[in-house]
Amino acid sequence: MTVCVLTSTATFATQSPNWSYAEIGYIKGSVSSLEQADFTGIHLEGSVSFHENFFAFGRYRDISDSFNRVDVEANLLNLGLGYRHGINDKTDFFTTASFASISTKVSYLSEHESNDNNGYELSLGVRSMLTDSFEFMTAISYEKIEGNDTSFKFAGFYHFTENISAGVNFQLSTDVQYLTFSARYSF
């Protein structure tokens, strides 16, 4: 039995990152221009590989914060396509293009203001299995919704099995920084 478990672990570790997965997480972040704004919320993400080198993905984040009797809610959605190319047997270069949407609602006492904006996001990055169980991802993204923004992303996932992993994702942009803790099921 021990030999089977060790063989199974070694088999999934020699492969490049899996592009078919479902992910759920907790997000915490801040907005530089609003010193008192520290938002929290839920992160949902999924990706499906539909060809040897192509994948479709979606990402949804529902975040909120309250400060000085002001309630802020935001929903962020990305739906897109990506292309991956194996650099070697454990590392993939990728690029993505996605529709991006942000919906915000700000409430103060009985006053409410809502705003919806759409745009796009383009990304370039690398995902790699650094060890038998540890995956690292880094990317740079350009987003155009209300204005232009460039962000840098770094993520690490620990793979408990071929299908189950947990990770941390850090994203830094001009005005927003956030940290996501998530669990992933790969299929």
N, C-alpha and C. Protein backbone atom coordinates (compact mmCIF):
# COMPACT_ATOMS: atom_id res chain seq x y z
N MET A 1 0.83 -1.19 0.00
CA MET A 1 0.00 0.00 0.00
C MET A 1 0.88 1.26 0.00
N THR A 2 1.94 1.28 0.80
CA THR A 2 2.83 2.43 0.85
C THR A 2 3.46 2.71 -0.51
N VAL A 3 3.82 1.66 -1.23
CA VAL A 3 4.40 1.80 -2.57
C VAL A 3 3.41 2.47 -3.51
N CYS A 4 2.13 2.11 -3.43
CA CYS A 4 1.09 2.71 -4.28
C CYS A 4 0.95 4.19 -4.01
N VAL A 5 0.95 4.59 -2.73
CA VAL A 5 0.82 6.00 -2.37
C VAL A 5 2.03 6.78 -2.86
N LEU A 6 3.23 6.27 -2.66
CA LEU A 6 4.44 6.95 -3.11
C LEU A 6 4.48 7.07 -4.63
N THR A 7 4.07 6.02 -5.32
CA THR A 7 4.04 6.05 -6.79
C THR A 7 3.03 7.07 -7.27
N SER A 8 1.87 7.14 -6.64
CA SER A 8 0.83 8.10 -7.02
C SER A 8 1.33 9.53 -6.83
N THR A 9 2.00 9.81 -5.70
CA THR A 9 2.52 11.15 -5.45
C THR A 9 3.57 11.53 -6.48
N ALA A 10 4.46 10.63 -6.80
CA ALA A 10 5.51 10.92 -7.78
C ALA A 10 4.93 11.13 -9.17
N THR A 11 3.86 10.42 -9.50
CA THR A 11 3.27 10.54 -10.82
C THR A 11 2.68 11.92 -11.04
N PHE A 12 1.90 12.45 -10.08
CA PHE A 12 1.30 13.76 -10.32
C PHE A 12 2.32 14.87 -10.22
N ALA A 13 3.41 14.66 -9.51
CA ALA A 13 4.41 15.71 -9.34
C ALA A 13 5.25 15.93 -10.59
N THR A 14 5.32 14.95 -11.47
CA THR A 14 6.15 15.11 -12.65
C THR A 14 5.41 15.80 -13.79
N GLN A 15 4.16 16.15 -13.58
CA GLN A 15 3.37 16.78 -14.62
C GLN A 15 3.37 18.29 -14.45
N SER A 16 3.03 18.97 -15.55
CA SER A 16 2.89 20.42 -15.47
C SER A 16 1.61 20.75 -14.69
N PRO A 17 1.40 22.01 -14.30
CA PRO A 17 0.21 22.39 -13.54
C PRO A 17 -1.08 22.01 -14.27
N ASN A 18 -2.09 21.67 -13.49
CA ASN A 18 -3.39 21.27 -14.01
C ASN A 18 -4.23 22.53 -14.27
N TRP A 19 -4.78 22.66 -15.47
CA TRP A 19 -5.56 23.84 -15.85
C TRP A 19 -7.06 23.63 -15.73
N SER A 20 -7.49 22.50 -15.17
CA SER A 20 -8.92 22.25 -14.92
C SER A 20 -9.13 22.15 -13.41
N TYR A 21 -9.81 23.15 -12.84
CA TYR A 21 -9.99 23.18 -11.39
C TYR A 21 -11.15 24.08 -11.00
N ALA A 22 -11.61 23.89 -9.74
CA ALA A 22 -12.59 24.77 -9.11
C ALA A 22 -11.97 25.22 -7.79
N GLU A 23 -12.17 26.50 -7.46
CA GLU A 23 -11.49 27.07 -6.30
C GLU A 23 -12.43 27.97 -5.52
N ILE A 24 -12.33 27.92 -4.20
CA ILE A 24 -13.09 28.82 -3.33
C ILE A 24 -12.14 29.39 -2.30
N GLY A 25 -12.34 30.66 -1.95
CA GLY A 25 -11.41 31.26 -1.00
C GLY A 25 -11.96 32.47 -0.27
N TYR A 26 -11.16 32.93 0.67
CA TYR A 26 -11.43 34.12 1.46
C TYR A 26 -10.44 35.19 1.02
N ILE A 27 -10.95 36.39 0.77
CA ILE A 27 -10.11 37.48 0.27
C ILE A 27 -10.09 38.62 1.29
N LYS A 28 -8.91 39.19 1.49
CA LYS A 28 -8.75 40.34 2.39
C LYS A 28 -7.83 41.32 1.69
N GLY A 29 -8.20 42.60 1.70
CA GLY A 29 -7.38 43.56 0.99
C GLY A 29 -7.59 44.98 1.46
N SER A 30 -6.90 45.89 0.78
CA SER A 30 -7.02 47.30 1.12
C SER A 30 -6.92 48.15 -0.14
N VAL A 31 -7.43 49.37 -0.02
CA VAL A 31 -7.38 50.34 -1.11
C VAL A 31 -6.53 51.51 -0.62
N SER A 32 -5.44 51.80 -1.32
CA SER A 32 -4.49 52.84 -0.87
C SER A 32 -5.13 54.21 -0.75
N SER A 33 -6.03 54.55 -1.67
CA SER A 33 -6.63 55.89 -1.65
C SER A 33 -7.67 56.06 -0.54
N LEU A 34 -8.10 54.95 0.06
CA LEU A 34 -9.04 55.00 1.18
C LEU A 34 -8.34 54.38 2.39
N GLU A 35 -7.72 55.22 3.21
CA GLU A 35 -6.90 54.72 4.31
C GLU A 35 -7.65 53.79 5.26
N GLN A 36 -8.93 54.00 5.42
CA GLN A 36 -9.69 53.20 6.38
C GLN A 36 -10.34 51.98 5.74
N ALA A 37 -10.20 51.78 4.44
CA ALA A 37 -10.89 50.69 3.76
C ALA A 37 -10.04 49.41 3.77
N ASP A 38 -10.51 48.42 4.50
CA ASP A 38 -9.93 47.08 4.51
C ASP A 38 -11.07 46.12 4.21
N PHE A 39 -11.14 45.66 2.98
CA PHE A 39 -12.27 44.84 2.58
C PHE A 39 -12.00 43.36 2.78
N THR A 40 -13.08 42.61 2.90
CA THR A 40 -13.02 41.15 2.99
C THR A 40 -14.14 40.59 2.12
N GLY A 41 -14.03 39.32 1.78
CA GLY A 41 -15.10 38.72 0.99
C GLY A 41 -14.76 37.32 0.52
N ILE A 42 -15.48 36.91 -0.49
CA ILE A 42 -15.36 35.56 -1.03
C ILE A 42 -14.76 35.60 -2.43
N HIS A 43 -14.00 34.57 -2.72
CA HIS A 43 -13.33 34.44 -4.02
C HIS A 43 -13.74 33.09 -4.61
N LEU A 44 -14.25 33.09 -5.83
CA LEU A 44 -14.59 31.87 -6.55
C LEU A 44 -13.86 31.90 -7.89
N GLU A 45 -13.27 30.78 -8.27
CA GLU A 45 -12.54 30.73 -9.53
C GLU A 45 -12.63 29.33 -10.11
N GLY A 46 -12.67 29.26 -11.43
CA GLY A 46 -12.67 27.97 -12.10
C GLY A 46 -12.00 28.07 -13.44
N SER A 47 -11.47 26.93 -13.89
CA SER A 47 -10.79 26.88 -15.18
C SER A 47 -11.01 25.49 -15.77
N VAL A 48 -11.20 25.44 -17.08
CA VAL A 48 -11.40 24.16 -17.77
C VAL A 48 -10.51 24.14 -19.01
N SER A 49 -9.66 23.13 -19.07
CA SER A 49 -8.80 22.94 -20.24
C SER A 49 -9.64 22.27 -21.32
N PHE A 50 -9.72 22.86 -22.51
CA PHE A 50 -10.54 22.27 -23.55
C PHE A 50 -9.74 21.85 -24.76
N HIS A 51 -8.47 21.99 -24.70
CA HIS A 51 -7.56 21.57 -25.76
C HIS A 51 -6.20 21.40 -25.09
N GLU A 52 -5.29 20.79 -25.74
CA GLU A 52 -3.97 20.59 -25.13
C GLU A 52 -3.38 21.90 -24.61
N ASN A 53 -3.61 23.01 -25.32
CA ASN A 53 -2.99 24.27 -24.94
C ASN A 53 -3.96 25.40 -24.60
N PHE A 54 -5.27 25.18 -24.65
CA PHE A 54 -6.23 26.25 -24.40
C PHE A 54 -7.08 25.95 -23.17
N PHE A 55 -7.56 27.02 -22.53
CA PHE A 55 -8.44 26.86 -21.38
C PHE A 55 -9.38 28.06 -21.29
N ALA A 56 -10.54 27.83 -20.69
CA ALA A 56 -11.50 28.89 -20.40
C ALA A 56 -11.52 29.05 -18.88
N PHE A 57 -11.74 30.27 -18.43
CA PHE A 57 -11.73 30.49 -16.98
C PHE A 57 -12.73 31.56 -16.58
N GLY A 58 -13.07 31.53 -15.30
CA GLY A 58 -13.94 32.53 -14.72
C GLY A 58 -13.49 32.82 -13.29
N ARG A 59 -13.68 34.05 -12.87
CA ARG A 59 -13.29 34.46 -11.52
C ARG A 59 -14.35 35.43 -11.01
N TYR A 60 -14.81 35.23 -9.78
CA TYR A 60 -15.80 36.11 -9.17
C TYR A 60 -15.34 36.45 -7.76
N ARG A 61 -15.37 37.74 -7.43
CA ARG A 61 -15.02 38.20 -6.08
C ARG A 61 -16.12 39.11 -5.58
N ASP A 62 -16.61 38.83 -4.40
CA ASP A 62 -17.65 39.62 -3.74
C ASP A 62 -17.04 40.16 -2.46
N ILE A 63 -16.76 41.46 -2.42
CA ILE A 63 -16.06 42.05 -1.28
C ILE A 63 -16.86 43.20 -0.69
N SER A 64 -16.61 43.50 0.58
CA SER A 64 -17.31 44.60 1.22
C SER A 64 -16.51 45.13 2.40
N ASP A 65 -16.91 46.33 2.85
CA ASP A 65 -16.30 46.96 4.01
C ASP A 65 -17.24 48.03 4.54
N SER A 66 -17.09 48.35 5.81
CA SER A 66 -17.86 49.43 6.45
C SER A 66 -16.90 50.28 7.26
N PHE A 67 -16.97 51.57 7.10
CA PHE A 67 -16.16 52.49 7.89
C PHE A 67 -16.86 53.84 7.93
N ASN A 68 -16.81 54.52 9.08
CA ASN A 68 -17.45 55.83 9.27
C ASN A 68 -18.88 55.86 8.77
N ARG A 69 -19.65 54.85 9.06
CA ARG A 69 -21.06 54.69 8.64
C ARG A 69 -21.25 54.62 7.13
N VAL A 70 -20.17 54.31 6.41
CA VAL A 70 -20.23 54.12 4.97
C VAL A 70 -20.07 52.63 4.69
N ASP A 71 -20.99 52.05 3.93
CA ASP A 71 -20.92 50.65 3.52
C ASP A 71 -20.52 50.60 2.05
N VAL A 72 -19.51 49.82 1.74
CA VAL A 72 -19.04 49.68 0.37
C VAL A 72 -19.11 48.20 -0.01
N GLU A 73 -19.73 47.91 -1.15
CA GLU A 73 -19.80 46.56 -1.68
C GLU A 73 -19.31 46.58 -3.12
N ALA A 74 -18.58 45.53 -3.51
CA ALA A 74 -18.11 45.43 -4.89
C ALA A 74 -18.17 43.98 -5.34
N ASN A 75 -18.59 43.80 -6.58
CA ASN A 75 -18.58 42.48 -7.22
C ASN A 75 -17.69 42.60 -8.45
N LEU A 76 -16.71 41.72 -8.54
CA LEU A 76 -15.77 41.73 -9.66
C LEU A 76 -15.88 40.41 -10.40
N LEU A 77 -15.99 40.47 -11.71
CA LEU A 77 -16.16 39.28 -12.53
C LEU A 77 -15.19 39.31 -13.70
N ASN A 78 -14.54 38.18 -13.95
CA ASN A 78 -13.71 37.98 -15.14
C ASN A 78 -14.14 36.69 -15.83
N LEU A 79 -14.34 36.75 -17.13
CA LEU A 79 -14.62 35.57 -17.94
C LEU A 79 -13.71 35.63 -19.15
N GLY A 80 -12.93 34.58 -19.38
CA GLY A 80 -11.98 34.68 -20.48
C GLY A 80 -11.44 33.38 -20.99
N LEU A 81 -10.49 33.54 -21.90
CA LEU A 81 -9.80 32.42 -22.53
C LEU A 81 -8.31 32.57 -22.30
N GLY A 82 -7.62 31.43 -22.27
CA GLY A 82 -6.19 31.46 -22.07
C GLY A 82 -5.48 30.46 -22.97
N TYR A 83 -4.21 30.70 -23.13
CA TYR A 83 -3.34 29.82 -23.90
C TYR A 83 -2.15 29.49 -23.02
N ARG A 84 -1.78 28.20 -22.94
CA ARG A 84 -0.63 27.76 -22.16
C ARG A 84 0.34 27.02 -23.06
N HIS A 85 1.62 27.19 -22.78
CA HIS A 85 2.65 26.50 -23.53
C HIS A 85 3.66 25.93 -22.53
N GLY A 86 3.91 24.64 -22.62
CA GLY A 86 4.86 24.01 -21.72
C GLY A 86 6.29 24.43 -22.03
N ILE A 87 6.94 25.04 -21.07
CA ILE A 87 8.35 25.41 -21.21
C ILE A 87 9.20 24.15 -20.99
N ASN A 88 8.79 23.36 -20.00
CA ASN A 88 9.38 22.04 -19.75
C ASN A 88 8.28 21.17 -19.15
N ASP A 89 8.61 20.01 -18.63
CA ASP A 89 7.57 19.10 -18.15
C ASP A 89 6.91 19.55 -16.85
N LYS A 90 7.43 20.59 -16.16
CA LYS A 90 6.84 21.06 -14.91
C LYS A 90 6.43 22.53 -14.94
N THR A 91 6.71 23.25 -16.02
CA THR A 91 6.48 24.69 -16.06
C THR A 91 5.73 25.09 -17.33
N ASP A 92 4.70 25.93 -17.14
CA ASP A 92 3.91 26.45 -18.25
C ASP A 92 3.98 27.97 -18.28
N PHE A 93 4.18 28.52 -19.47
CA PHE A 93 3.99 29.95 -19.74
C PHE A 93 2.52 30.10 -20.14
N PHE A 94 1.85 31.17 -19.71
CA PHE A 94 0.45 31.36 -20.11
C PHE A 94 0.15 32.81 -20.40
N THR A 95 -0.88 32.99 -21.19
CA THR A 95 -1.42 34.32 -21.46
C THR A 95 -2.94 34.21 -21.46
N THR A 96 -3.60 35.25 -20.97
CA THR A 96 -5.06 35.25 -20.91
C THR A 96 -5.62 36.58 -21.40
N ALA A 97 -6.84 36.53 -21.86
CA ALA A 97 -7.62 37.72 -22.20
C ALA A 97 -9.02 37.49 -21.64
N SER A 98 -9.55 38.48 -20.93
CA SER A 98 -10.86 38.28 -20.32
C SER A 98 -11.71 39.55 -20.34
N PHE A 99 -13.01 39.32 -20.37
CA PHE A 99 -13.99 40.36 -20.12
C PHE A 99 -13.93 40.64 -18.62
N ALA A 100 -13.90 41.90 -18.22
CA ALA A 100 -13.84 42.26 -16.81
C ALA A 100 -14.98 43.21 -16.47
N SER A 101 -15.61 42.97 -15.35
CA SER A 101 -16.73 43.80 -14.92
C SER A 101 -16.61 44.07 -13.42
N ILE A 102 -16.93 45.30 -13.03
CA ILE A 102 -16.97 45.65 -11.62
C ILE A 102 -18.26 46.40 -11.34
N SER A 103 -18.92 45.98 -10.29
CA SER A 103 -20.18 46.58 -9.86
C SER A 103 -19.97 47.06 -8.43
N THR A 104 -20.19 48.34 -8.16
CA THR A 104 -19.99 48.86 -6.81
C THR A 104 -21.26 49.51 -6.28
N LYS A 105 -21.40 49.44 -4.98
CA LYS A 105 -22.52 50.10 -4.30
C LYS A 105 -21.98 50.73 -3.03
N VAL A 106 -22.22 52.03 -2.87
CA VAL A 106 -21.79 52.77 -1.70
C VAL A 106 -23.04 53.31 -1.01
N SER A 107 -23.14 53.05 0.29
CA SER A 107 -24.30 53.51 1.07
C SER A 107 -23.83 54.32 2.26
N TYR A 108 -24.47 55.46 2.45
CA TYR A 108 -24.21 56.28 3.62
C TYR A 108 -25.56 56.72 4.16
N LEU A 109 -25.87 56.25 5.36
CA LEU A 109 -27.18 56.49 5.97
C LEU A 109 -28.27 56.03 5.00
N SER A 110 -29.09 56.94 4.48
CA SER A 110 -30.15 56.53 3.55
C SER A 110 -29.79 56.79 2.09
N GLU A 111 -28.59 57.27 1.84
CA GLU A 111 -28.14 57.55 0.48
C GLU A 111 -27.45 56.32 -0.11
N HIS A 112 -27.73 56.03 -1.38
CA HIS A 112 -27.11 54.90 -2.08
C HIS A 112 -26.64 55.34 -3.45
N GLU A 113 -25.46 54.87 -3.82
CA GLU A 113 -24.96 55.14 -5.16
C GLU A 113 -24.37 53.85 -5.72
N SER A 114 -24.79 53.51 -6.93
CA SER A 114 -24.29 52.29 -7.59
C SER A 114 -23.58 52.66 -8.87
N ASN A 115 -22.63 51.83 -9.24
CA ASN A 115 -21.85 52.09 -10.44
C ASN A 115 -21.46 50.75 -11.06
N ASP A 116 -21.65 50.60 -12.36
CA ASP A 116 -21.26 49.39 -13.09
C ASP A 116 -20.34 49.79 -14.23
N ASN A 117 -19.21 49.08 -14.34
CA ASN A 117 -18.26 49.35 -15.41
C ASN A 117 -17.75 48.04 -15.99
N ASN A 118 -17.53 48.03 -17.30
CA ASN A 118 -17.01 46.85 -17.99
C ASN A 118 -15.74 47.22 -18.73
N GLY A 119 -14.92 46.21 -18.96
CA GLY A 119 -13.68 46.42 -19.69
C GLY A 119 -13.03 45.08 -20.00
N TYR A 120 -11.70 45.06 -19.92
CA TYR A 120 -10.99 43.83 -20.22
C TYR A 120 -9.72 43.75 -19.38
N GLU A 121 -9.17 42.53 -19.31
CA GLU A 121 -7.91 42.29 -18.62
C GLU A 121 -7.04 41.37 -19.48
N LEU A 122 -5.77 41.68 -19.60
CA LEU A 122 -4.79 40.87 -20.33
C LEU A 122 -3.68 40.47 -19.35
N SER A 123 -3.27 39.21 -19.38
CA SER A 123 -2.24 38.73 -18.45
C SER A 123 -1.20 37.87 -19.14
N LEU A 124 0.02 37.91 -18.60
CA LEU A 124 1.11 37.02 -18.99
C LEU A 124 1.69 36.46 -17.70
N GLY A 125 1.99 35.15 -17.70
CA GLY A 125 2.53 34.58 -16.47
C GLY A 125 3.18 33.23 -16.66
N VAL A 126 3.61 32.69 -15.53
CA VAL A 126 4.25 31.38 -15.48
C VAL A 126 3.69 30.62 -14.27
N ARG A 127 3.34 29.34 -14.50
CA ARG A 127 2.96 28.42 -13.42
C ARG A 127 3.94 27.26 -13.46
N SER A 128 4.42 26.85 -12.27
CA SER A 128 5.42 25.79 -12.24
C SER A 128 5.28 24.93 -10.99
N MET A 129 5.51 23.64 -11.15
CA MET A 129 5.62 22.73 -10.01
C MET A 129 7.08 22.80 -9.57
N LEU A 130 7.36 23.57 -8.51
CA LEU A 130 8.73 23.74 -8.04
C LEU A 130 9.27 22.50 -7.34
N THR A 131 8.38 21.81 -6.61
CA THR A 131 8.73 20.55 -5.96
C THR A 131 7.63 19.55 -6.26
N ASP A 132 7.71 18.40 -5.65
CA ASP A 132 6.70 17.38 -5.86
C ASP A 132 5.30 17.85 -5.45
N SER A 133 5.21 18.76 -4.47
CA SER A 133 3.91 19.18 -3.96
C SER A 133 3.65 20.68 -4.02
N PHE A 134 4.65 21.49 -4.37
CA PHE A 134 4.48 22.93 -4.32
C PHE A 134 4.46 23.55 -5.71
N GLU A 135 3.38 24.32 -5.97
CA GLU A 135 3.21 25.02 -7.24
C GLU A 135 3.35 26.52 -7.01
N PHE A 136 4.04 27.21 -7.91
CA PHE A 136 4.21 28.65 -7.83
C PHE A 136 3.69 29.29 -9.11
N MET A 137 3.05 30.44 -8.97
CA MET A 137 2.54 31.19 -10.12
C MET A 137 2.92 32.65 -9.95
N THR A 138 3.33 33.27 -11.04
CA THR A 138 3.55 34.71 -11.06
C THR A 138 3.01 35.24 -12.39
N ALA A 139 2.44 36.44 -12.34
CA ALA A 139 1.86 37.02 -13.56
C ALA A 139 1.85 38.54 -13.45
N ILE A 140 1.79 39.15 -14.61
CA ILE A 140 1.57 40.60 -14.71
C ILE A 140 0.31 40.78 -15.53
N SER A 141 -0.56 41.69 -15.07
CA SER A 141 -1.84 41.91 -15.74
C SER A 141 -2.05 43.39 -16.04
N TYR A 142 -2.69 43.63 -17.15
CA TYR A 142 -3.10 44.99 -17.53
C TYR A 142 -4.62 44.97 -17.58
N GLU A 143 -5.24 45.90 -16.85
CA GLU A 143 -6.70 45.95 -16.79
C GLU A 143 -7.19 47.33 -17.20
N LYS A 144 -8.20 47.34 -18.05
CA LYS A 144 -8.81 48.61 -18.47
C LYS A 144 -10.31 48.49 -18.22
N ILE A 145 -10.75 49.14 -17.13
CA ILE A 145 -12.19 49.17 -16.83
C ILE A 145 -12.58 50.64 -16.72
N GLU A 146 -12.31 51.26 -15.58
CA GLU A 146 -12.59 52.69 -15.43
C GLU A 146 -11.38 53.51 -15.89
N GLY A 147 -10.24 52.96 -15.70
CA GLY A 147 -8.97 53.58 -16.10
C GLY A 147 -8.02 52.44 -16.44
N ASN A 148 -6.76 52.74 -16.50
CA ASN A 148 -5.75 51.71 -16.77
C ASN A 148 -5.09 51.31 -15.46
N ASP A 149 -4.82 50.03 -15.29
CA ASP A 149 -4.15 49.56 -14.09
C ASP A 149 -3.30 48.34 -14.42
N THR A 150 -2.12 48.29 -13.85
CA THR A 150 -1.24 47.14 -13.99
C THR A 150 -1.09 46.50 -12.63
N SER A 151 -1.16 45.17 -12.58
CA SER A 151 -1.00 44.49 -11.31
C SER A 151 -0.02 43.34 -11.44
N PHE A 152 0.56 42.98 -10.31
CA PHE A 152 1.49 41.86 -10.21
C PHE A 152 0.88 40.83 -9.28
N LYS A 153 0.91 39.58 -9.71
CA LYS A 153 0.30 38.50 -8.94
C LYS A 153 1.35 37.45 -8.61
N PHE A 154 1.26 36.93 -7.39
CA PHE A 154 2.13 35.86 -6.93
C PHE A 154 1.26 34.87 -6.16
N ALA A 155 1.40 33.58 -6.45
CA ALA A 155 0.59 32.58 -5.75
C ALA A 155 1.42 31.33 -5.51
N GLY A 156 1.11 30.66 -4.43
CA GLY A 156 1.71 29.38 -4.11
C GLY A 156 0.63 28.42 -3.67
N PHE A 157 0.68 27.20 -4.17
CA PHE A 157 -0.29 26.16 -3.78
C PHE A 157 0.45 24.92 -3.32
N TYR A 158 -0.02 24.37 -2.21
CA TYR A 158 0.51 23.10 -1.74
C TYR A 158 -0.48 22.01 -2.15
N HIS A 159 0.00 21.01 -2.87
CA HIS A 159 -0.85 19.92 -3.36
C HIS A 159 -0.78 18.75 -2.38
N PHE A 160 -1.90 18.53 -1.66
CA PHE A 160 -1.98 17.41 -0.73
C PHE A 160 -2.10 16.09 -1.49
N THR A 161 -2.87 16.14 -2.58
CA THR A 161 -3.04 14.99 -3.48
C THR A 161 -3.06 15.53 -4.89
N GLU A 162 -3.29 14.68 -5.85
CA GLU A 162 -3.39 15.11 -7.24
C GLU A 162 -4.56 16.07 -7.45
N ASN A 163 -5.61 15.91 -6.64
CA ASN A 163 -6.83 16.70 -6.82
C ASN A 163 -7.03 17.83 -5.81
N ILE A 164 -6.43 17.74 -4.65
CA ILE A 164 -6.74 18.69 -3.58
C ILE A 164 -5.50 19.51 -3.22
N SER A 165 -5.68 20.84 -3.21
CA SER A 165 -4.58 21.74 -2.84
C SER A 165 -5.13 22.96 -2.13
N ALA A 166 -4.25 23.66 -1.43
CA ALA A 166 -4.60 24.91 -0.74
C ALA A 166 -3.50 25.91 -1.05
N GLY A 167 -3.90 27.19 -1.13
CA GLY A 167 -2.90 28.17 -1.51
C GLY A 167 -3.17 29.58 -1.05
N VAL A 168 -2.19 30.41 -1.35
CA VAL A 168 -2.24 31.84 -1.04
C VAL A 168 -1.90 32.59 -2.32
N ASN A 169 -2.65 33.66 -2.58
CA ASN A 169 -2.45 34.49 -3.76
C ASN A 169 -2.33 35.94 -3.29
N PHE A 170 -1.28 36.62 -3.71
CA PHE A 170 -1.09 38.03 -3.38
C PHE A 170 -1.11 38.84 -4.66
N GLN A 171 -1.90 39.91 -4.68
CA GLN A 171 -1.97 40.78 -5.85
C GLN A 171 -1.72 42.21 -5.42
N LEU A 172 -0.85 42.89 -6.16
CA LEU A 172 -0.48 44.26 -5.88
C LEU A 172 -0.67 45.09 -7.13
N SER A 173 -1.46 46.15 -7.01
CA SER A 173 -1.63 47.07 -8.14
C SER A 173 -1.41 48.49 -7.64
N THR A 174 -1.67 49.46 -8.49
CA THR A 174 -1.44 50.86 -8.14
C THR A 174 -2.18 51.26 -6.88
N ASP A 175 -3.44 50.85 -6.76
CA ASP A 175 -4.28 51.33 -5.67
C ASP A 175 -4.81 50.22 -4.76
N VAL A 176 -4.77 48.97 -5.19
CA VAL A 176 -5.39 47.87 -4.44
C VAL A 176 -4.37 46.77 -4.19
N GLN A 177 -4.38 46.27 -2.96
CA GLN A 177 -3.58 45.12 -2.60
C GLN A 177 -4.51 44.11 -1.94
N TYR A 178 -4.37 42.84 -2.30
CA TYR A 178 -5.17 41.85 -1.60
C TYR A 178 -4.48 40.51 -1.50
N LEU A 179 -4.94 39.76 -0.52
CA LEU A 179 -4.43 38.44 -0.22
C LEU A 179 -5.61 37.48 -0.21
N THR A 180 -5.47 36.37 -0.91
CA THR A 180 -6.54 35.37 -0.97
C THR A 180 -6.02 34.04 -0.45
N PHE A 181 -6.78 33.44 0.45
CA PHE A 181 -6.51 32.09 0.96
C PHE A 181 -7.57 31.19 0.34
N SER A 182 -7.15 30.13 -0.36
CA SER A 182 -8.14 29.33 -1.07
C SER A 182 -7.85 27.84 -1.04
N ALA A 183 -8.91 27.09 -1.31
CA ALA A 183 -8.84 25.64 -1.46
C ALA A 183 -9.22 25.33 -2.90
N ARG A 184 -8.52 24.36 -3.51
CA ARG A 184 -8.73 24.06 -4.93
C ARG A 184 -8.95 22.57 -5.12
N TYR A 185 -9.91 22.25 -5.98
CA TYR A 185 -10.12 20.87 -6.42
C TYR A 185 -9.81 20.80 -7.91
N SER A 186 -8.82 20.00 -8.28
CA SER A 186 -8.44 19.85 -9.70
C SER A 186 -9.05 18.58 -10.24
N PHE A 187 -9.50 18.65 -11.49
CA PHE A 187 -10.12 17.47 -12.10
C PHE A 187 -9.57 17.21 -13.47
